[in-house]
Protein backbone atom coordinates (compact mmCIF):
# COMPACT_ATOMS: atom_id res chain seq x y z
CA MET A 1 31.01 -9.43 37.11
CA LEU A 2 29.99 -8.62 33.55
CA ASN A 3 27.01 -6.30 33.19
CA ILE A 4 25.06 -8.62 30.90
CA ARG A 5 21.97 -6.38 30.69
CA GLY A 6 24.14 -3.37 29.85
CA ILE A 7 25.93 -5.27 27.11
CA GLN A 8 22.64 -6.50 25.67
CA ARG A 9 21.23 -2.99 25.73
CA ALA A 10 24.29 -1.59 23.97
CA LEU A 11 24.17 -4.29 21.33
CA ARG A 12 20.49 -3.59 20.67
CA VAL A 13 21.15 0.17 20.27
CA THR A 14 24.03 -0.57 17.88
CA LEU A 15 21.86 -2.98 15.88
CA ILE A 16 19.01 -0.50 15.57
CA ALA A 17 21.41 2.23 14.44
CA ALA A 18 22.90 -0.09 11.85
CA LEU A 19 19.49 -1.11 10.61
CA ALA A 20 18.48 2.49 10.14
CA VAL A 21 21.42 2.92 7.78
CA VAL A 22 21.29 -0.26 5.72
CA THR A 23 17.69 -1.39 5.52
CA GLY A 24 15.71 -0.45 2.46
CA CYS A 25 12.66 0.37 4.59
CA GLY A 26 14.41 1.99 7.54
CA THR A 27 14.95 5.66 8.39
CA ASN A 28 17.32 6.99 5.78
CA GLY A 29 16.58 10.62 6.45
CA ALA A 30 14.36 11.67 3.54
CA SER A 31 13.07 15.21 3.99
CA LEU A 32 9.50 16.21 4.72
CA SER A 33 7.40 17.40 1.83
CA GLU A 34 4.47 19.66 1.05
CA GLY A 35 1.31 18.98 2.87
CA ALA A 36 -2.17 20.07 3.33
CA VAL A 37 -5.44 20.92 4.84
CA ASP A 38 -8.64 20.70 2.64
CA SER A 39 -9.64 18.51 -0.30
CA GLY A 40 -12.95 20.10 -1.05
CA ALA A 41 -14.65 17.10 0.59
CA THR A 42 -17.99 17.86 2.20
CA VAL A 43 -17.88 17.93 6.00
CA PRO A 44 -20.59 18.93 8.46
CA ALA A 45 -20.77 22.71 8.93
CA THR A 46 -20.31 22.31 12.67
CA THR A 47 -16.96 20.56 12.28
CA THR A 48 -14.54 22.96 10.61
CA PRO A 49 -11.14 21.47 9.65
CA PRO A 50 -8.09 22.88 11.46
CA PRO A 51 -6.54 25.97 9.82
CA PRO A 52 -3.45 25.74 7.60
CA SER A 53 -0.20 25.24 9.47
CA THR A 54 3.47 25.74 8.75
CA THR A 55 6.16 23.08 8.79
CA THR A 56 9.88 23.40 8.25
CA THR A 57 11.98 20.96 6.26
CA SER A 58 15.57 21.10 5.09
CA GLY A 59 15.69 24.83 5.83
CA ALA A 60 12.61 25.54 3.68
CA THR A 61 9.26 26.67 5.06
CA VAL A 62 6.24 24.86 3.64
CA VAL A 63 2.80 26.34 4.26
CA ALA A 64 0.16 23.62 4.38
CA ALA A 65 -2.66 25.12 2.36
CA SER A 66 -4.63 22.17 0.99
CA VAL A 67 -5.09 18.48 1.58
CA VAL A 68 -4.75 18.03 -2.15
CA GLY A 69 -1.02 17.57 -1.45
CA GLU A 70 1.62 18.22 -4.10
CA ALA A 71 0.87 20.72 -6.86
CA THR A 72 -1.13 19.03 -9.61
CA ILE A 73 0.91 17.75 -12.57
CA ALA A 74 -1.27 17.38 -15.64
CA ASP A 75 -1.32 14.19 -17.70
CA ASN A 76 1.21 14.35 -20.55
CA PHE A 77 -0.84 12.05 -22.77
CA ASP A 78 -4.33 11.69 -24.21
CA ILE A 79 -6.47 9.84 -21.66
CA ASN A 80 -9.16 8.72 -24.12
CA PRO A 81 -7.28 5.70 -25.57
CA LEU A 82 -6.78 4.47 -22.00
CA LEU A 83 -10.53 4.18 -21.30
CA GLU A 84 -13.24 1.77 -22.38
CA PRO A 85 -16.92 1.23 -21.54
CA THR A 86 -17.43 -0.51 -18.24
CA TRP A 87 -17.76 -4.29 -18.20
CA TYR A 88 -21.06 -3.90 -16.34
CA GLY A 89 -22.71 -3.02 -19.67
CA PRO A 90 -25.80 -0.89 -20.31
CA SER A 91 -28.33 -3.33 -18.91
CA GLY A 92 -30.02 -2.49 -15.61
CA ARG A 93 -28.06 0.55 -14.48
CA GLY A 94 -26.73 2.34 -17.55
CA GLY A 95 -23.25 0.96 -17.07
CA ILE A 96 -22.92 2.49 -13.62
CA ALA A 97 -21.55 0.42 -10.75
CA PRO A 98 -24.08 -0.65 -8.08
CA VAL A 99 -24.34 0.98 -4.69
CA ASN A 100 -22.10 -0.80 -2.21
CA PRO A 101 -24.04 -2.72 0.48
CA ASP A 102 -21.22 -1.85 2.92
CA PRO A 103 -20.90 1.66 4.43
CA VAL A 104 -17.93 2.46 2.19
CA GLY A 105 -17.58 3.39 -1.45
CA ALA A 106 -14.99 1.16 -3.14
CA PHE A 107 -12.63 1.26 -6.13
CA ARG A 108 -10.69 -1.90 -7.08
CA PHE A 109 -8.30 -3.03 -9.80
CA PHE A 110 -5.80 -5.80 -10.57
CA CYS A 111 -2.05 -5.41 -11.06
CA ALA A 112 0.43 -7.72 -12.76
CA PRO A 113 3.91 -8.06 -11.20
CA GLY A 114 6.41 -5.37 -12.10
CA GLN A 115 10.13 -4.86 -11.67
CA LEU A 116 12.39 -6.52 -9.08
CA LEU A 117 14.84 -3.96 -7.73
CA ARG A 118 17.13 -3.48 -4.74
CA ASP A 119 15.76 0.08 -4.60
CA ASP A 120 13.48 2.06 -2.29
CA PRO A 121 12.63 5.58 -3.51
CA ILE A 122 11.12 6.45 -0.12
CA ALA A 123 13.64 5.11 2.40
CA ALA A 124 16.75 5.28 0.21
CA PRO A 125 16.06 7.95 -2.42
CA GLY A 126 18.80 8.38 -5.01
CA GLN A 127 20.65 5.28 -3.76
CA PRO A 128 20.25 2.41 -6.27
CA GLY A 129 20.99 -1.01 -4.77
CA LYS A 130 20.79 0.28 -1.19
CA SER A 131 17.76 -1.77 -0.18
CA HIS A 132 16.88 -5.42 0.15
CA LEU A 133 15.15 -6.80 -2.96
CA HIS A 134 11.67 -5.39 -3.60
CA GLN A 135 8.79 -6.50 -5.79
CA PHE A 136 7.14 -3.50 -7.43
CA ILE A 137 3.71 -3.12 -9.00
CA GLY A 138 2.29 -0.03 -10.64
CA ASN A 139 4.62 2.46 -12.32
CA THR A 140 7.05 0.59 -14.57
CA ALA A 141 9.65 3.38 -14.37
CA ALA A 142 9.79 3.46 -10.55
CA ASN A 143 13.29 3.09 -9.10
CA ALA A 144 15.55 4.59 -6.47
CA ASN A 145 15.54 7.99 -8.18
CA SER A 146 11.76 8.33 -8.40
CA THR A 147 10.09 11.53 -7.26
CA TYR A 148 6.49 12.69 -7.52
CA GLN A 149 7.50 14.64 -10.63
CA SER A 150 9.14 11.64 -12.30
CA LEU A 151 6.33 9.23 -11.44
CA ARG A 152 3.71 11.62 -12.78
CA THR A 153 5.53 12.20 -16.06
CA THR A 154 7.14 8.85 -16.92
CA GLY A 155 6.32 5.16 -16.98
CA GLY A 156 3.52 2.84 -17.86
CA SER A 157 1.82 0.69 -15.23
CA THR A 158 1.25 -2.95 -14.39
CA CYS A 159 -2.15 -1.91 -12.98
CA ASP A 160 -3.84 -0.49 -16.09
CA ASN A 161 -3.16 -0.25 -19.82
CA ARG A 162 -0.46 -2.84 -19.32
CA SER A 163 0.31 -3.02 -23.05
CA MET A 164 0.87 0.77 -23.35
CA PRO A 165 3.83 3.00 -22.37
CA VAL A 166 1.55 5.43 -20.47
CA ALA A 167 -1.06 4.83 -17.76
CA LEU A 168 -3.62 6.50 -15.53
CA ASN A 169 -2.25 4.83 -12.41
CA ARG A 170 1.38 5.90 -12.25
CA SER A 171 1.45 5.37 -8.48
CA SER A 172 4.04 2.91 -7.23
CA TYR A 173 3.49 0.11 -4.69
CA TRP A 174 6.14 -2.32 -3.46
CA MET A 175 6.84 -5.04 -0.89
CA PRO A 176 9.84 -7.23 0.01
CA ALA A 177 10.45 -9.76 -2.74
CA MET A 178 9.37 -13.34 -2.10
CA LEU A 179 12.33 -15.76 -2.22
CA ASP A 180 12.09 -19.53 -2.75
CA GLY A 181 15.21 -20.48 -0.76
CA GLU A 182 16.70 -22.06 -3.86
CA GLY A 183 18.25 -18.98 -5.41
CA ASN A 184 15.16 -17.47 -7.04
CA ALA A 185 12.67 -14.67 -6.56
CA VAL A 186 9.00 -15.74 -6.74
CA ARG A 187 6.90 -13.11 -8.46
CA PRO A 188 3.20 -12.84 -7.58
CA ASP A 189 0.66 -13.92 -10.17
CA TYR A 190 -1.08 -10.61 -9.48
CA ALA A 191 -2.10 -8.15 -6.80
CA LEU A 192 -5.58 -6.84 -6.06
CA VAL A 193 -5.68 -3.24 -4.79
CA TYR A 194 -8.62 -1.51 -3.05
CA TYR A 195 -9.29 2.13 -2.22
CA LYS A 196 -12.28 2.32 0.19
CA ARG A 197 -13.78 5.03 2.40
CA ILE A 198 -17.15 6.23 3.62
CA PRO A 199 -18.44 9.04 1.33
CA ALA A 200 -17.28 12.56 2.13
CA GLY A 201 -20.88 13.62 2.74
CA HIS A 202 -21.52 10.86 5.28
CA PRO A 203 -22.64 12.16 8.71
CA SER A 204 -19.72 10.32 10.31
CA CYS A 205 -17.21 12.60 8.54
CA GLY A 206 -16.04 15.41 10.80
CA ALA A 207 -13.73 16.24 13.69
CA PRO A 208 -12.75 12.83 15.15
CA ASP A 209 -14.66 11.85 18.26
CA ALA A 210 -17.16 9.20 19.33
CA THR A 211 -19.53 10.11 16.49
CA HIS A 212 -17.15 11.25 13.74
CA ILE A 213 -14.42 9.19 12.12
CA GLY A 214 -12.37 12.21 10.95
CA TYR A 215 -12.36 14.69 8.09
CA CYS A 216 -12.93 12.40 5.10
CA THR A 217 -10.51 13.43 2.39
CA ASP A 218 -9.06 12.09 -0.85
CA MET A 219 -5.63 10.47 -1.01
CA PRO A 220 -3.23 13.45 -1.08
CA GLN A 221 -1.22 13.89 -4.25
CA GLY A 222 2.34 12.71 -3.75
CA ILE A 223 1.87 11.20 -0.28
CA ARG A 224 4.26 8.36 0.49
CA PHE A 225 4.68 6.11 3.48
CA ILE A 226 5.87 2.73 4.73
CA PHE A 227 3.71 0.47 6.89
CA GLY A 228 3.89 -2.95 8.51
CA TYR A 229 7.04 -4.32 10.12
CA ASN A 230 9.59 -1.60 10.93
CA MET A 231 13.08 -2.78 10.00
CA ALA A 232 14.70 0.00 12.03
CA THR A 233 12.88 -0.60 15.34
CA MET A 234 12.14 -4.31 14.82
CA ARG A 235 8.52 -3.67 15.79
CA GLY A 236 5.09 -3.69 14.21
CA GLY A 237 5.00 -6.90 12.22
CA PRO A 238 2.41 -9.69 12.30
CA MET A 239 4.18 -11.31 15.27
CA GLU A 240 3.74 -8.17 17.37
CA PRO A 241 1.48 -8.51 20.45
CA GLY A 242 -1.93 -7.10 19.59
CA PHE A 243 -1.44 -7.94 15.92
CA ASP A 244 -4.49 -7.03 13.82
CA ARG A 245 -5.34 -10.20 11.92
CA ASP A 246 -7.22 -8.13 9.34
CA GLY A 247 -4.23 -5.86 8.76
CA GLU A 248 -1.41 -8.27 7.89
CA THR A 249 -2.42 -11.83 7.15
CA PHE A 250 -1.40 -14.95 5.25
CA THR A 251 -3.93 -17.45 3.92
CA CYS A 252 -4.03 -20.49 1.60
CA GLU A 253 -6.59 -20.22 -1.21
CA VAL A 254 -7.67 -22.16 -4.29
CA ARG A 255 -5.91 -20.74 -7.33
CA ASN A 256 -8.47 -18.75 -9.31
CA GLY A 257 -11.07 -19.91 -6.82
CA GLY A 258 -12.70 -16.56 -6.20
CA GLY A 259 -11.48 -16.34 -2.63
CA GLU A 260 -12.23 -19.96 -1.72
CA GLN A 261 -9.85 -21.20 0.96
CA ARG A 262 -7.79 -24.32 0.24
CA VAL A 263 -6.84 -24.61 3.89
CA ALA A 264 -9.03 -22.95 6.50
CA GLY A 265 -7.57 -20.28 8.72
CA ILE A 266 -5.88 -16.89 8.83
CA TYR A 267 -2.21 -16.98 9.77
CA HIS A 268 0.52 -14.68 11.09
CA ASN A 269 3.34 -15.70 8.74
CA ILE A 270 4.44 -17.99 5.92
CA ALA A 271 5.66 -20.70 8.27
CA GLU A 272 2.19 -21.11 9.79
CA VAL A 273 0.60 -21.50 6.34
CA VAL A 274 3.15 -24.20 5.43
CA ALA A 275 2.51 -26.00 8.73
CA ALA A 276 -1.24 -25.89 8.07
CA GLY A 277 -0.68 -28.05 5.00
CA CYS A 278 -1.16 -25.59 2.14
CA PRO A 279 -0.45 -27.75 -0.97
CA VAL A 280 1.49 -27.10 -4.16
CA GLY A 281 -0.53 -25.16 -6.75
CA SER A 282 -2.50 -23.14 -4.19
CA PHE A 283 -2.45 -19.41 -3.75
CA LEU A 284 -0.48 -17.99 -0.86
CA LYS A 285 -2.45 -14.78 -0.30
CA VAL A 286 -0.56 -12.02 1.49
CA SER A 287 -2.82 -9.21 2.72
CA ILE A 288 -1.81 -5.92 4.27
CA THR A 289 -3.68 -2.69 5.05
CA PRO A 290 -1.97 0.66 5.79
CA PRO A 291 -3.00 3.35 8.28
CA THR A 292 -5.90 5.62 7.34
CA CYS A 293 -5.38 8.64 9.61
CA TRP A 294 -3.19 11.48 8.30
CA ASP A 295 -1.80 14.53 10.11
CA GLY A 296 -2.97 16.86 7.30
CA LYS A 297 0.47 18.47 7.05
CA ASN A 298 3.18 16.15 5.77
CA LEU A 299 3.44 14.01 2.67
CA ASP A 300 6.54 12.36 4.13
CA VAL A 301 8.47 12.53 7.40
CA PRO A 302 11.94 11.30 8.40
CA ASP A 303 10.69 7.91 9.60
CA HIS A 304 8.29 7.66 6.59
CA ARG A 305 5.56 6.44 8.95
CA SER A 306 4.43 8.80 11.69
CA HIS A 307 2.46 11.20 9.46
CA VAL A 308 -0.08 8.37 9.01
CA VAL A 309 -1.37 6.23 11.88
CA TYR A 310 -4.07 3.62 12.46
CA ALA A 311 -7.45 4.74 13.81
CA SER A 312 -7.38 4.30 17.57
CA GLY A 313 -10.25 6.39 18.91
CA PRO A 314 -13.78 5.41 19.95
CA GLU A 315 -15.80 3.08 17.77
CA VAL A 316 -17.98 5.06 15.34
CA ALA A 317 -20.93 2.75 14.77
CA THR A 318 -22.27 4.45 11.64
CA ALA A 319 -18.85 4.22 9.96
CA GLY A 320 -17.99 0.73 11.14
CA GLU A 321 -14.51 1.94 12.16
CA ARG A 322 -12.70 3.62 15.03
CA SER A 323 -12.15 7.35 14.84
CA CYS A 324 -8.80 8.96 14.11
CA PRO A 325 -6.73 10.55 16.88
CA VAL A 326 -6.94 14.35 17.06
CA THR A 327 -3.27 14.55 16.05
CA HIS A 328 -4.13 12.87 12.73
CA PRO A 329 -7.69 14.05 12.04
CA TYR A 330 -7.89 13.37 8.30
CA TYR A 331 -9.44 10.06 7.29
CA LEU A 332 -7.90 8.76 4.04
CA PRO A 333 -9.23 6.02 1.78
CA ASN A 334 -8.44 2.59 3.18
CA LEU A 335 -5.77 1.28 0.80
CA ALA A 336 -5.83 -2.53 1.00
CA TYR A 337 -3.56 -4.97 -0.85
CA GLN A 338 -3.84 -8.67 -1.60
CA TRP A 339 -0.83 -10.33 -3.24
CA TYR A 340 -1.30 -13.82 -4.75
CA PHE A 341 1.61 -16.25 -5.19
CA THR A 342 1.24 -19.76 -6.66
CA THR A 343 2.92 -22.22 -4.30
CA ASN A 344 5.47 -24.82 -5.44
CA ALA A 345 7.55 -27.61 -3.92
CA ALA A 346 9.99 -25.16 -2.33
CA PHE A 347 7.06 -23.56 -0.51
CA THR A 348 5.74 -26.84 0.92
CA ALA A 349 9.33 -27.65 1.95
CA GLY A 350 9.26 -24.52 4.11
CA LYS A 351 11.86 -22.60 2.09
CA TRP A 352 9.88 -19.51 1.07
CA ARG A 353 10.62 -16.25 2.87
CA LEU A 354 10.73 -12.49 2.28
CA ALA A 355 13.90 -10.67 1.26
CA SER A 356 13.47 -8.55 4.39
CA ASP A 357 13.47 -11.74 6.48
CA ASP A 358 16.93 -12.50 5.10
CA MET A 359 18.20 -9.01 5.84
CA MET A 360 16.85 -9.10 9.38
CA SER A 361 18.36 -12.57 9.93
CA GLN A 362 21.75 -11.28 8.84
CA MET A 363 21.52 -8.25 11.11
CA MET A 364 20.34 -10.22 14.13
CA GLY A 365 22.66 -13.16 13.61
CA ARG A 366 19.81 -15.66 13.83
CA ALA A 367 16.92 -16.87 11.70
CA VAL A 368 13.61 -15.03 11.82
CA ILE A 369 10.23 -16.58 11.10
CA PRO A 370 9.50 -16.45 7.35
CA GLY A 371 7.07 -13.64 6.61
CA SER A 372 7.41 -11.99 10.02
CA THR A 373 8.99 -8.83 8.54
CA LEU A 374 6.12 -8.12 6.13
CA HIS A 375 5.80 -4.45 5.22
CA MET A 376 4.91 -2.31 2.21
CA ASP A 377 5.54 1.08 0.62
CA TYR A 378 3.19 3.44 -1.22
CA PHE A 379 3.96 6.48 -3.40
CA GLU A 380 0.89 8.25 -4.85
CA ALA A 381 1.08 9.49 -8.47
CA TRP A 382 -2.40 9.06 -10.00
CA SER A 383 -3.58 10.91 -13.09
CA PRO A 384 -5.58 13.94 -11.84
CA PHE A 385 -8.50 12.82 -14.02
CA ALA A 386 -8.50 9.27 -12.65
CA ARG A 387 -7.93 10.38 -9.07
CA ALA A 388 -10.91 12.77 -9.20
CA ALA A 389 -13.07 10.17 -10.95
CA PHE A 390 -12.72 7.31 -8.49
CA HIS A 391 -12.85 9.53 -5.41
CA GLY A 392 -15.79 11.59 -6.64
CA ASN A 393 -17.83 8.70 -8.03
CA CYS A 394 -16.90 5.30 -6.62
CA ILE A 395 -16.14 6.54 -3.10
CA ASP A 396 -18.25 9.65 -2.58
CA LYS A 397 -21.30 8.23 -4.38
CA HIS A 398 -21.06 5.02 -2.33
CA LEU A 399 -20.58 2.76 -5.36
CA ASN A 400 -18.99 -0.68 -5.64
CA CYS A 401 -16.51 -0.23 -8.51
CA ASN A 402 -14.44 -3.17 -9.75
CA ASN A 403 -11.85 -3.72 -12.47
CA GLY A 404 -10.86 -0.06 -12.66
CA ASP A 405 -14.43 1.16 -13.17
CA PHE A 406 -14.70 4.89 -12.42
CA GLY A 407 -18.43 4.78 -11.67
CA THR A 408 -19.13 6.81 -14.81
CA GLY A 409 -19.82 4.05 -17.30
CA MET A 410 -16.12 4.05 -18.25
CA GLN A 411 -13.18 2.13 -16.82
CA MET A 412 -9.42 1.87 -17.15
CA LYS A 413 -8.33 -0.56 -19.86
CA GLU A 414 -6.44 -3.66 -18.74
CA ALA A 415 -7.15 -3.17 -15.04
CA SER A 416 -9.05 -6.44 -14.72
CA VAL A 417 -8.24 -10.15 -14.96
CA PRO A 418 -6.92 -10.96 -18.47
CA ALA A 419 -8.52 -13.61 -20.67
CA GLY A 420 -7.46 -17.03 -19.42
CA PHE A 421 -6.53 -15.61 -15.99
CA PHE A 422 -3.10 -14.39 -14.87
CA PRO A 423 -0.27 -16.77 -15.84
CA ILE A 424 2.12 -18.15 -13.23
CA PRO A 425 5.24 -16.01 -13.62
CA PRO A 426 8.55 -17.82 -14.15
CA LEU A 427 11.04 -17.82 -11.28
CA VAL A 428 13.70 -15.12 -11.52
CA PRO A 429 17.25 -16.18 -10.56
CA ILE A 430 18.50 -13.76 -7.92
CA SER A 431 21.91 -13.83 -9.61
CA SER A 432 20.31 -12.19 -12.68
CA ILE A 433 19.13 -9.16 -10.69
CA PRO A 434 21.70 -6.31 -10.55
């Protein structure tokens, strides 16, 4: 008699091994990088951060000396032309953003769509065309060969100063490209990005336990990670049991409606939004939130994931969040994304899907639910000036900063909604993408 279970198990192992090699967001063996242990953030005197530690990577020893992350690379341009007075104006508060009514300090900005590439500088570094198709925002020079050094020193951005060849936000953000099932890539109208965290001086910052959320620190320079569905293990997407509906969600909203829903409900995938009756001309909003707890040592690891994890400890009432595990005691800014796509007839016909859905379907030999492989990548490369400004003012002073406002009376140029709103991008034939 055939050992059916044994055959199935062998096939699954083979599939996972293959996925780790060919998927753009799998485990392609990138080395670990420098890491860290103290950002200068204020923590209670009774909760001292762990001492520096040593990690080994690719035969080199890296001493984790600071949670700042990679060595600072200065801006290679004049920052002044990239700034303008805040849109809040002088009336009422001297141009300074208001205090946030929520426990967190917040910094937000808008990004236009960037390049479409079959590249992944985290999972497949130095291997152009190795990945499924990705939609990038942020650094306009990001590609398969990007490093922290190259991101910091080259490229403009779709997230600020969009008409200039240099930018304050040279970080890169990307997700699987949206496909219309008719031979085209659907670019988002825009993406809204948030960095949020309780202020470093908040009493809930400290060694993670029932009363402390973790050591509140800035986003480490050069940190990179992948989050959401894991193409290598086929786990972790919005269809996973225990799925966090606030972490990875799909909704139908009124285009330029200020968050007004066109069809009520929060959904697990694209197929559910279509079935709910989301009409042509609406926004398909795709939301995803990465982990916030960092190990304090590594800026990357071989699986590009396990150095950052979701908070899973006791509920910390004063922070409104769970605490970090002791293995990952550093609480990073909550980096939230909202991608907005204008729906068309192909969407209502149920044809839209992610490029990663197609890759997974090919690997599994069967169709997967559209949107069920949602995941994202992040590679930090902010200007040191901008990074210090939004962490030190918007976040640590508990402000509510919008449109690239640094909480100083100045903001990034072209980080807000343009006059007349964001246009609907034209479809991009997949055959035109190298």
